[in-house]
Amino acid sequence: MIWSVKGSRYSLYVDGRKVLGGQGCRGSIRGKSITLGDGIDSAKFPVETLNGDIDQFKLYSRALSATEVRKLHRIEKLKTSLSPV
């Protein structure tokens, strides 16, 4: 899953495919707390909190393009398929 934000525009990608996008999103980093997607229409994205762990979290200083997201997905998929059992 990749969450990309540029200004107030956002895109959510799952398995390298864009599944949600729009405008009106806010986010912030304060201490050890990260807020992503504040202000998104809850009818389109009903989950407000995550109750669990996040694995392989990466934070970039800019929004990623759809092409970059697809490339990252292919790289991660290849790494997973090559992992020893």
PDB file of N, CA and C in Angstrom:
ATOM      1  N   MET A   1       0.849  -1.164   0.000  1.00  0.00           N
ATOM      2  CA  MET A   1       0.000   0.000   0.000  1.00  0.00           C
ATOM      3  C   MET A   1       0.896   1.228   0.000  1.00  0.00           C
ATOM      4  N   ILE A   2       0.571   2.179  -0.840  1.00  0.00           N
ATOM      5  CA  ILE A   2       1.306   3.441  -0.904  1.00  0.00           C
ATOM      6  C   ILE A   2       0.309   4.588  -0.843  1.00  0.00           C
ATOM      7  N   TRP A   3       0.588   5.532   0.035  1.00  0.00           N
ATOM      8  CA  TRP A   3      -0.219   6.732   0.206  1.00  0.00           C
ATOM      9  C   TRP A   3       0.624   7.892  -0.311  1.00  0.00           C
ATOM     10  N   SER A   4       0.176   8.585  -1.336  1.00  0.00           N
ATOM     11  CA  SER A   4       0.937   9.679  -1.930  1.00  0.00           C
ATOM     12  C   SER A   4       0.126  10.968  -1.850  1.00  0.00           C
ATOM     13  N   VAL A   5       0.754  12.024  -1.357  1.00  0.00           N
ATOM     14  CA  VAL A   5       0.070  13.305  -1.200  1.00  0.00           C
ATOM     15  C   VAL A   5       0.920  14.408  -1.813  1.00  0.00           C
ATOM     16  N   LYS A   6       0.288  15.266  -2.600  1.00  0.00           N
ATOM     17  CA  LYS A   6       0.945  16.450  -3.157  1.00  0.00           C
ATOM     18  C   LYS A   6      -0.011  17.610  -2.943  1.00  0.00           C
ATOM     19  N   GLY A   7       0.372  18.528  -2.049  1.00  0.00           N
ATOM     20  CA  GLY A   7      -0.546  19.597  -1.675  1.00  0.00           C
ATOM     21  C   GLY A   7      -1.731  18.988  -0.953  1.00  0.00           C
ATOM     22  N   SER A   8      -2.932  19.248  -1.449  1.00  0.00           N
ATOM     23  CA  SER A   8      -4.120  18.643  -0.834  1.00  0.00           C
ATOM     24  C   SER A   8      -4.654  17.472  -1.659  1.00  0.00           C
ATOM     25  N   ARG A   9      -3.952  17.118  -2.746  1.00  0.00           N
ATOM     26  CA  ARG A   9      -4.371  15.982  -3.574  1.00  0.00           C
ATOM     27  C   ARG A   9      -3.741  14.703  -3.042  1.00  0.00           C
ATOM     28  N   TYR A  10      -4.506  13.627  -3.027  1.00  0.00           N
ATOM     29  CA  TYR A  10      -4.007  12.362  -2.508  1.00  0.00           C
ATOM     30  C   TYR A  10      -4.303  11.211  -3.463  1.00  0.00           C
ATOM     31  N   SER A  11      -3.500  10.168  -3.348  1.00  0.00           N
ATOM     32  CA  SER A  11      -3.711   8.923  -4.079  1.00  0.00           C
ATOM     33  C   SER A  11      -3.365   7.765  -3.168  1.00  0.00           C
ATOM     34  N   LEU A  12      -4.176   6.736  -3.202  1.00  0.00           N
ATOM     35  CA  LEU A  12      -3.916   5.514  -2.458  1.00  0.00           C
ATOM     36  C   LEU A  12      -3.732   4.395  -3.471  1.00  0.00           C
ATOM     37  N   TYR A  13      -2.612   3.687  -3.370  1.00  0.00           N
ATOM     38  CA  TYR A  13      -2.294   2.579  -4.261  1.00  0.00           C
ATOM     39  C   TYR A  13      -2.237   1.295  -3.454  1.00  0.00           C
ATOM     40  N   VAL A  14      -2.809   0.237  -3.991  1.00  0.00           N
ATOM     41  CA  VAL A  14      -2.729  -1.089  -3.387  1.00  0.00           C
ATOM     42  C   VAL A  14      -2.218  -2.041  -4.466  1.00  0.00           C
ATOM     43  N   ASP A  15      -1.154  -2.759  -4.150  1.00  0.00           N
ATOM     44  CA  ASP A  15      -0.519  -3.671  -5.112  1.00  0.00           C
ATOM     45  C   ASP A  15      -0.189  -2.971  -6.427  1.00  0.00           C
ATOM     46  N   GLY A  16       0.286  -1.726  -6.334  1.00  0.00           N
ATOM     47  CA  GLY A  16       0.721  -0.987  -7.510  1.00  0.00           C
ATOM     48  C   GLY A  16      -0.382  -0.328  -8.316  1.00  0.00           C
ATOM     49  N   ARG A  17      -1.645  -0.480  -7.907  1.00  0.00           N
ATOM     50  CA  ARG A  17      -2.778   0.107  -8.635  1.00  0.00           C
ATOM     51  C   ARG A  17      -3.445   1.185  -7.794  1.00  0.00           C
ATOM     52  N   LYS A  18      -3.778   2.288  -8.444  1.00  0.00           N
ATOM     53  CA  LYS A  18      -4.476   3.367  -7.745  1.00  0.00           C
ATOM     54  C   LYS A  18      -5.911   2.936  -7.466  1.00  0.00           C
ATOM     55  N   VAL A  19      -6.285   2.978  -6.186  1.00  0.00           N
ATOM     56  CA  VAL A  19      -7.636   2.563  -5.808  1.00  0.00           C
ATOM     57  C   VAL A  19      -8.475   3.717  -5.280  1.00  0.00           C
ATOM     58  N   LEU A  20      -7.818   4.830  -4.949  1.00  0.00           N
ATOM     59  CA  LEU A  20      -8.540   5.974  -4.413  1.00  0.00           C
ATOM     60  C   LEU A  20      -7.724   7.223  -4.681  1.00  0.00           C
ATOM     61  N   GLY A  21      -8.394   8.304  -4.974  1.00  0.00           N
ATOM     62  CA  GLY A  21      -7.704   9.572  -5.173  1.00  0.00           C
ATOM     63  C   GLY A  21      -8.692  10.711  -5.090  1.00  0.00           C
ATOM     64  N   GLY A  22      -8.178  11.871  -4.784  1.00  0.00           N
ATOM     65  CA  GLY A  22      -9.051  13.025  -4.696  1.00  0.00           C
ATOM     66  C   GLY A  22      -8.327  14.233  -4.148  1.00  0.00           C
ATOM     67  N   GLN A  23      -9.097  15.139  -3.627  1.00  0.00           N
ATOM     68  CA  GLN A  23      -8.563  16.389  -3.113  1.00  0.00           C
ATOM     69  C   GLN A  23      -9.174  16.684  -1.748  1.00  0.00           C
ATOM     70  N   GLY A  24      -8.458  17.442  -0.941  1.00  0.00           N
ATOM     71  CA  GLY A  24      -8.983  17.841   0.354  1.00  0.00           C
ATOM     72  C   GLY A  24      -8.371  17.075   1.505  1.00  0.00           C
ATOM     73  N   CYS A  25      -7.213  16.504   1.297  1.00  0.00           N
ATOM     74  CA  CYS A  25      -6.554  15.692   2.318  1.00  0.00           C
ATOM     75  C   CYS A  25      -5.498  16.496   3.059  1.00  0.00           C
ATOM     76  N   ARG A  26      -5.351  16.193   4.348  1.00  0.00           N
ATOM     77  CA  ARG A  26      -4.283  16.801   5.148  1.00  0.00           C
ATOM     78  C   ARG A  26      -3.523  15.687   5.851  1.00  0.00           C
ATOM     79  N   GLY A  27      -2.300  15.965   6.205  1.00  0.00           N
ATOM     80  CA  GLY A  27      -1.496  15.019   6.961  1.00  0.00           C
ATOM     81  C   GLY A  27      -0.462  15.780   7.759  1.00  0.00           C
ATOM     82  N   SER A  28       0.100  15.135   8.767  1.00  0.00           N
ATOM     83  CA  SER A  28       1.110  15.806   9.578  1.00  0.00           C
ATOM     84  C   SER A  28       1.981  14.789  10.301  1.00  0.00           C
ATOM     85  N   ILE A  29       3.170  15.236  10.675  1.00  0.00           N
ATOM     86  CA  ILE A  29       4.081  14.436  11.477  1.00  0.00           C
ATOM     87  C   ILE A  29       4.412  15.259  12.704  1.00  0.00           C
ATOM     88  N   ARG A  30       4.091  14.713  13.870  1.00  0.00           N
ATOM     89  CA  ARG A  30       4.367  15.405  15.140  1.00  0.00           C
ATOM     90  C   ARG A  30       4.972  14.401  16.107  1.00  0.00           C
ATOM     91  N   GLY A  31       6.249  14.566  16.413  1.00  0.00           N
ATOM     92  CA  GLY A  31       6.891  13.627  17.323  1.00  0.00           C
ATOM     93  C   GLY A  31       6.863  12.224  16.769  1.00  0.00           C
ATOM     94  N   LYS A  32       6.256  11.302  17.489  1.00  0.00           N
ATOM     95  CA  LYS A  32       6.158   9.907  17.053  1.00  0.00           C
ATOM     96  C   LYS A  32       4.811   9.592  16.416  1.00  0.00           C
ATOM     97  N   SER A  33       4.005  10.605  16.170  1.00  0.00           N
ATOM     98  CA  SER A  33       2.664  10.416  15.627  1.00  0.00           C
ATOM     99  C   SER A  33       2.592  10.918  14.192  1.00  0.00           C
ATOM    100  N   ILE A  34       2.013  10.118  13.309  1.00  0.00           N
ATOM    101  CA  ILE A  34       1.816  10.501  11.911  1.00  0.00           C
ATOM    102  C   ILE A  34       0.331  10.445  11.606  1.00  0.00           C
ATOM    103  N   THR A  35      -0.193  11.504  11.033  1.00  0.00           N
ATOM    104  CA  THR A  35      -1.581  11.544  10.599  1.00  0.00           C
ATOM    105  C   THR A  35      -1.583  11.561   9.079  1.00  0.00           C
ATOM    106  N   LEU A  36      -2.263  10.597   8.467  1.00  0.00           N
ATOM    107  CA  LEU A  36      -2.361  10.523   7.010  1.00  0.00           C
ATOM    108  C   LEU A  36      -3.827  10.588   6.610  1.00  0.00           C
ATOM    109  N   GLY A  37      -4.119  11.419   5.652  1.00  0.00           N
ATOM    110  CA  GLY A  37      -5.453  11.428   5.093  1.00  0.00           C
ATOM    111  C   GLY A  37      -6.522  12.122   5.890  1.00  0.00           C
ATOM    112  N   ASP A  38      -6.155  12.985   6.802  1.00  0.00           N
ATOM    113  CA  ASP A  38      -7.150  13.722   7.577  1.00  0.00           C
ATOM    114  C   ASP A  38      -8.004  14.547   6.616  1.00  0.00           C
ATOM    115  N   GLY A  39      -9.306  14.446   6.733  1.00  0.00           N
ATOM    116  CA  GLY A  39     -10.204  15.216   5.880  1.00  0.00           C
ATOM    117  C   GLY A  39     -10.752  14.452   4.694  1.00  0.00           C
ATOM    118  N   ILE A  40     -10.415  13.175   4.552  1.00  0.00           N
ATOM    119  CA  ILE A  40     -10.928  12.388   3.432  1.00  0.00           C
ATOM    120  C   ILE A  40     -12.385  12.031   3.681  1.00  0.00           C
ATOM    121  N   ASP A  41     -13.163  12.017   2.634  1.00  0.00           N
ATOM    122  CA  ASP A  41     -14.574  11.634   2.697  1.00  0.00           C
ATOM    123  C   ASP A  41     -14.690  10.203   3.234  1.00  0.00           C
ATOM    124  N   SER A  42     -15.253  10.032   4.409  1.00  0.00           N
ATOM    125  CA  SER A  42     -15.319   8.716   5.041  1.00  0.00           C
ATOM    126  C   SER A  42     -16.210   7.734   4.273  1.00  0.00           C
ATOM    127  N   ALA A  43     -17.082   8.219   3.399  1.00  0.00           N
ATOM    128  CA  ALA A  43     -17.894   7.306   2.593  1.00  0.00           C
ATOM    129  C   ALA A  43     -17.015   6.568   1.580  1.00  0.00           C
ATOM    130  N   LYS A  44     -15.954   7.230   1.102  1.00  0.00           N
ATOM    131  CA  LYS A  44     -15.046   6.603   0.142  1.00  0.00           C
ATOM    132  C   LYS A  44     -13.966   5.783   0.845  1.00  0.00           C
ATOM    133  N   PHE A  45     -13.580   6.186   2.046  1.00  0.00           N
ATOM    134  CA  PHE A  45     -12.491   5.532   2.772  1.00  0.00           C
ATOM    135  C   PHE A  45     -12.899   5.456   4.234  1.00  0.00           C
ATOM    136  N   PRO A  46     -13.725   4.460   4.595  1.00  0.00           N
ATOM    137  CA  PRO A  46     -14.378   4.457   5.903  1.00  0.00           C
ATOM    138  C   PRO A  46     -13.486   4.156   7.114  1.00  0.00           C
ATOM    139  N   VAL A  47     -12.276   3.667   6.930  1.00  0.00           N
ATOM    140  CA  VAL A  47     -11.419   3.321   8.065  1.00  0.00           C
ATOM    141  C   VAL A  47     -10.742   4.584   8.586  1.00  0.00           C
ATOM    142  N   GLU A  48     -10.999   4.914   9.834  1.00  0.00           N
ATOM    143  CA  GLU A  48     -10.433   6.132  10.408  1.00  0.00           C
ATOM    144  C   GLU A  48      -9.160   5.875  11.201  1.00  0.00           C
ATOM    145  N   THR A  49      -9.011   4.677  11.737  1.00  0.00           N
ATOM    146  CA  THR A  49      -7.813   4.370  12.516  1.00  0.00           C
ATOM    147  C   THR A  49      -7.294   2.992  12.134  1.00  0.00           C
ATOM    148  N   LEU A  50      -6.025   2.780  12.383  1.00  0.00           N
ATOM    149  CA  LEU A  50      -5.403   1.491  12.132  1.00  0.00           C
ATOM    150  C   LEU A  50      -5.103   0.854  13.475  1.00  0.00           C
ATOM    151  N   ASN A  51      -5.609  -0.324  13.681  1.00  0.00           N
ATOM    152  CA  ASN A  51      -5.349  -1.053  14.905  1.00  0.00           C
ATOM    153  C   ASN A  51      -4.467  -2.244  14.543  1.00  0.00           C
ATOM    154  N   GLY A  52      -3.163  -2.012  14.500  1.00  0.00           N
ATOM    155  CA  GLY A  52      -2.242  -3.078  14.121  1.00  0.00           C
ATOM    156  C   GLY A  52      -0.865  -2.521  13.846  1.00  0.00           C
ATOM    157  N   ASP A  53      -0.064  -3.319  13.170  1.00  0.00           N
ATOM    158  CA  ASP A  53       1.311  -2.944  12.859  1.00  0.00           C
ATOM    159  C   ASP A  53       1.451  -2.584  11.389  1.00  0.00           C
ATOM    160  N   ILE A  54       2.445  -1.756  11.111  1.00  0.00           N
ATOM    161  CA  ILE A  54       2.803  -1.422   9.741  1.00  0.00           C
ATOM    162  C   ILE A  54       4.201  -1.959   9.506  1.00  0.00           C
ATOM    163  N   ASP A  55       4.378  -2.725   8.439  1.00  0.00           N
ATOM    164  CA  ASP A  55       5.664  -3.307   8.095  1.00  0.00           C
ATOM    165  C   ASP A  55       6.238  -2.580   6.888  1.00  0.00           C
ATOM    166  N   GLN A  56       7.526  -2.353   6.875  1.00  0.00           N
ATOM    167  CA  GLN A  56       8.237  -1.739   5.757  1.00  0.00           C
ATOM    168  C   GLN A  56       7.712  -0.351   5.429  1.00  0.00           C
ATOM    169  N   PHE A  57       7.634   0.495   6.412  1.00  0.00           N
ATOM    170  CA  PHE A  57       7.169   1.870   6.238  1.00  0.00           C
ATOM    171  C   PHE A  57       8.282   2.708   5.627  1.00  0.00           C
ATOM    172  N   LYS A  58       7.972   3.454   4.588  1.00  0.00           N
ATOM    173  CA  LYS A  58       8.932   4.364   3.956  1.00  0.00           C
ATOM    174  C   LYS A  58       8.280   5.722   3.820  1.00  0.00           C
ATOM    175  N   LEU A  59       9.040   6.770   4.078  1.00  0.00           N
ATOM    176  CA  LEU A  59       8.534   8.133   3.975  1.00  0.00           C
ATOM    177  C   LEU A  59       9.411   8.888   2.988  1.00  0.00           C
ATOM    178  N   TYR A  60       8.805   9.439   1.958  1.00  0.00           N
ATOM    179  CA  TYR A  60       9.537  10.187   0.939  1.00  0.00           C
ATOM    180  C   TYR A  60       9.260  11.675   1.111  1.00  0.00           C
ATOM    181  N   SER A  61      10.172  12.493   0.641  1.00  0.00           N
ATOM    182  CA  SER A  61      10.031  13.944   0.792  1.00  0.00           C
ATOM    183  C   SER A  61       9.184  14.568  -0.314  1.00  0.00           C
ATOM    184  N   ARG A  62       8.624  13.747  -1.165  1.00  0.00           N
ATOM    185  CA  ARG A  62       7.782  14.242  -2.262  1.00  0.00           C
ATOM    186  C   ARG A  62       6.755  13.177  -2.629  1.00  0.00           C
ATOM    187  N   ALA A  63       5.758  13.602  -3.378  1.00  0.00           N
ATOM    188  CA  ALA A  63       4.747  12.651  -3.854  1.00  0.00           C
ATOM    189  C   ALA A  63       5.361  11.761  -4.930  1.00  0.00           C
ATOM    190  N   LEU A  64       5.009  10.490  -4.916  1.00  0.00           N
ATOM    191  CA  LEU A  64       5.487   9.562  -5.939  1.00  0.00           C
ATOM    192  C   LEU A  64       4.524   9.547  -7.115  1.00  0.00           C
ATOM    193  N   SER A  65       5.071   9.377  -8.308  1.00  0.00           N
ATOM    194  CA  SER A  65       4.222   9.276  -9.504  1.00  0.00           C
ATOM    195  C   SER A  65       3.652   7.867  -9.594  1.00  0.00           C
ATOM    196  N   ALA A  66       2.630   7.701 -10.404  1.00  0.00           N
ATOM    197  CA  ALA A  66       2.031   6.372 -10.598  1.00  0.00           C
ATOM    198  C   ALA A  66       3.068   5.396 -11.141  1.00  0.00           C
ATOM    199  N   THR A  67       3.950   5.850 -12.013  1.00  0.00           N
ATOM    200  CA  THR A  67       5.010   4.998 -12.569  1.00  0.00           C
ATOM    201  C   THR A  67       5.965   4.545 -11.468  1.00  0.00           C
ATOM    202  N   GLU A  68       6.349   5.452 -10.586  1.00  0.00           N
ATOM    203  CA  GLU A  68       7.238   5.104  -9.478  1.00  0.00           C
ATOM    204  C   GLU A  68       6.576   4.101  -8.538  1.00  0.00           C
ATOM    205  N   VAL A  69       5.289   4.269  -8.293  1.00  0.00           N
ATOM    206  CA  VAL A  69       4.556   3.340  -7.427  1.00  0.00           C
ATOM    207  C   VAL A  69       4.552   1.945  -8.038  1.00  0.00           C
ATOM    208  N   ARG A  70       4.275   1.843  -9.341  1.00  0.00           N
ATOM    209  CA  ARG A  70       4.272   0.536 -10.009  1.00  0.00           C
ATOM    210  C   ARG A  70       5.651  -0.118  -9.935  1.00  0.00           C
ATOM    211  N   LYS A  71       6.715   0.667 -10.150  1.00  0.00           N
ATOM    212  CA  LYS A  71       8.080   0.127 -10.081  1.00  0.00           C
ATOM    213  C   LYS A  71       8.392  -0.382  -8.677  1.00  0.00           C
ATOM    214  N   LEU A  72       8.046   0.390  -7.655  1.00  0.00           N
ATOM    215  CA  LEU A  72       8.277  -0.048  -6.279  1.00  0.00           C
ATOM    216  C   LEU A  72       7.528  -1.337  -5.977  1.00  0.00           C
ATOM    217  N   HIS A  73       6.299  -1.436  -6.461  1.00  0.00           N
ATOM    218  CA  HIS A  73       5.508  -2.650  -6.234  1.00  0.00           C
ATOM    219  C   HIS A  73       6.182  -3.856  -6.883  1.00  0.00           C
ATOM    220  N   ARG A  74       6.650  -3.697  -8.127  1.00  0.00           N
ATOM    221  CA  ARG A  74       7.322  -4.811  -8.817  1.00  0.00           C
ATOM    222  C   ARG A  74       8.590  -5.231  -8.080  1.00  0.00           C
ATOM    223  N   ILE A  75       9.367  -4.258  -7.589  1.00  0.00           N
ATOM    224  CA  ILE A  75      10.598  -4.562  -6.858  1.00  0.00           C
ATOM    225  C   ILE A  75      10.280  -5.339  -5.580  1.00  0.00           C
ATOM    226  N   GLU A  76       9.302  -4.869  -4.818  1.00  0.00           N
ATOM    227  CA  GLU A  76       8.942  -5.549  -3.566  1.00  0.00           C
ATOM    228  C   GLU A  76       8.382  -6.943  -3.829  1.00  0.00           C
ATOM    229  N   LYS A  77       7.600  -7.082  -4.891  1.00  0.00           N
ATOM    230  CA  LYS A  77       7.033  -8.389  -5.241  1.00  0.00           C
ATOM    231  C   LYS A  77       8.150  -9.369  -5.610  1.00  0.00           C
ATOM    232  N   LEU A  78       9.147  -8.878  -6.347  1.00  0.00           N
ATOM    233  CA  LEU A  78      10.282  -9.718  -6.725  1.00  0.00           C
ATOM    234  C   LEU A  78      11.086 -10.130  -5.491  1.00  0.00           C
ATOM    235  N   LYS A  79      11.332  -9.185  -4.573  1.00  0.00           N
ATOM    236  CA  LYS A  79      12.067  -9.505  -3.336  1.00  0.00           C
ATOM    237  C   LYS A  79      11.345 -10.601  -2.556  1.00  0.00           C
ATOM    238  N   THR A  80      10.028 -10.481  -2.454  1.00  0.00           N
ATOM    239  CA  THR A  80       9.231 -11.459  -1.710  1.00  0.00           C
ATOM    240  C   THR A  80       9.303 -12.832  -2.359  1.00  0.00           C
ATOM    241  N   SER A  81       9.253 -12.871  -3.680  1.00  0.00           N
ATOM    242  CA  SER A  81       9.269 -14.156  -4.373  1.00  0.00           C
ATOM    243  C   SER A  81      10.634 -14.829  -4.286  1.00  0.00           C
ATOM    244  N   LEU A  82      11.701 -14.064  -4.053  1.00  0.00           N
ATOM    245  CA  LEU A  82      13.043 -14.613  -3.955  1.00  0.00           C
ATOM    246  C   LEU A  82      13.462 -14.947  -2.532  1.00  0.00           C
ATOM    247  N   SER A  83      12.621 -14.638  -1.551  1.00  0.00           N
ATOM    248  CA  SER A  83      12.950 -14.893  -0.148  1.00  0.00           C
ATOM    249  C   SER A  83      12.975 -16.399   0.118  1.00  0.00           C
ATOM    250  N   PRO A  84      13.960 -16.839   0.933  1.00  0.00           N
ATOM    251  CA  PRO A  84      14.000 -18.282   1.264  1.00  0.00           C
ATOM    252  C   PRO A  84      12.778 -18.674   2.099  1.00  0.00           C
ATOM    253  N   VAL A  85      12.403 -19.919   1.956  1.00  0.00           N
ATOM    254  CA  VAL A  85      11.233 -20.432   2.677  1.00  0.00           C
ATOM    255  C   VAL A  85      11.579 -20.780   4.093  1.00  0.00           C
TER     256      VAL A  85
END
